[in-house]
Amino acid sequence: MITLTIILIFSGVTYFFMKKNKENPSVKQHTEERNYTIDERYNAEKVRKQKEVDRILEKISRKGMESLHADEKKLLEDYSKTLK
């Protein structure tokens, strides 16, 4: 009877710690996050804007200018000003 109790307690403690380790990310995982440079962030934003403009231009070619929303027209206008 005592042996069974000890085994149950040991199993419970082992289960508790195994479950706890899976729920909490380790410190090593947090240190692997990448810090992006200013240039990398700038280039990523530039690519994102270009993809958005390309999407809007594709929409114009398929459905015409009338299909654009006001925010899409504003984005194109702002983008064209940056190119000048």
Protein backbone atom coordinates (compact mmCIF):
# COMPACT_ATOMS: atom_id res chain seq x y z
CA MET A 1 0.00 0.00 0.00
CA ILE A 2 2.83 2.40 0.85
CA THR A 3 4.60 1.50 -2.40
CA LEU A 4 1.47 2.35 -4.39
CA THR A 5 1.15 5.70 -2.60
CA ILE A 6 4.80 6.57 -3.30
CA ILE A 7 4.41 5.66 -6.97
CA LEU A 8 1.26 7.80 -7.27
CA ILE A 9 2.94 10.78 -5.60
CA PHE A 10 6.04 10.42 -7.78
CA SER A 11 3.88 10.16 -10.92
CA GLY A 12 1.88 13.23 -9.93
CA VAL A 13 4.98 15.33 -9.29
CA THR A 14 6.58 14.18 -12.55
CA TYR A 15 3.42 14.97 -14.52
CA PHE A 16 3.17 18.41 -12.90
CA PHE A 17 6.70 19.41 -13.89
CA MET A 18 6.45 17.96 -17.39
CA LYS A 19 3.23 19.86 -18.03
CA LYS A 20 4.66 23.07 -16.59
CA ASN A 21 7.69 22.93 -18.92
CA LYS A 22 5.50 22.56 -22.01
CA GLU A 23 3.31 25.55 -21.12
CA ASN A 24 6.12 28.03 -20.49
CA PRO A 25 8.50 28.86 -23.33
CA SER A 26 12.12 28.53 -22.39
CA VAL A 27 14.48 31.45 -22.13
CA LYS A 28 16.42 30.15 -25.13
CA GLN A 29 13.39 30.60 -27.38
CA HIS A 30 13.11 34.27 -26.41
CA THR A 31 16.76 34.99 -27.17
CA GLU A 32 16.36 33.63 -30.70
CA GLU A 33 13.97 36.44 -31.68
CA ARG A 34 15.51 38.62 -34.35
CA ASN A 35 16.04 42.34 -33.96
CA TYR A 36 15.65 43.95 -37.36
CA THR A 37 17.85 46.83 -38.43
CA ILE A 38 16.42 50.15 -39.51
CA ASP A 39 17.30 49.32 -43.12
CA GLU A 40 15.52 45.96 -42.94
CA ARG A 41 12.39 47.56 -41.48
CA TYR A 42 12.47 50.33 -44.10
CA ASN A 43 12.85 47.82 -46.93
CA ALA A 44 10.08 45.60 -45.56
CA GLU A 45 7.73 48.59 -45.35
CA LYS A 46 8.68 49.64 -48.88
CA VAL A 47 7.91 46.15 -50.19
CA ARG A 48 4.60 46.10 -48.30
CA LYS A 49 3.56 49.45 -49.80
CA GLN A 50 4.59 48.34 -53.29
CA LYS A 51 2.50 45.17 -52.99
CA GLU A 52 -0.50 47.25 -51.89
CA VAL A 53 -0.05 49.63 -54.84
CA ASP A 54 0.31 46.68 -57.22
CA ARG A 55 -2.91 45.19 -55.83
CA ILE A 56 -4.75 48.49 -56.40
CA LEU A 57 -3.37 48.85 -59.93
CA GLU A 58 -4.45 45.29 -60.71
CA LYS A 59 -7.93 46.14 -59.42
CA ILE A 60 -8.00 49.20 -61.71
CA SER A 61 -7.02 47.10 -64.72
CA ARG A 62 -9.75 44.56 -63.97
CA LYS A 63 -12.64 46.78 -62.84
CA GLY A 64 -11.69 50.38 -63.63
CA MET A 65 -11.08 53.49 -61.50
CA GLU A 66 -14.70 53.61 -60.36
CA SER A 67 -14.19 50.43 -58.35
CA LEU A 68 -11.67 52.04 -55.97
CA HIS A 69 -12.56 53.13 -52.46
CA ALA A 70 -11.57 56.56 -51.19
CA ASP A 71 -8.73 55.17 -49.08
CA GLU A 72 -7.31 53.33 -52.10
CA LYS A 73 -7.41 56.50 -54.19
CA LYS A 74 -5.68 58.41 -51.40
CA LEU A 75 -2.98 55.76 -51.12
CA LEU A 76 -2.28 55.96 -54.86
CA GLU A 77 -2.20 59.76 -54.72
CA ASP A 78 0.21 59.73 -51.77
CA TYR A 79 2.40 57.13 -53.44
CA SER A 80 2.56 59.11 -56.68
CA LYS A 81 3.72 62.18 -54.71
CA THR A 82 6.61 60.22 -53.21
CA LEU A 83 7.79 59.23 -56.69
CA LYS A 84 8.11 62.86 -57.85
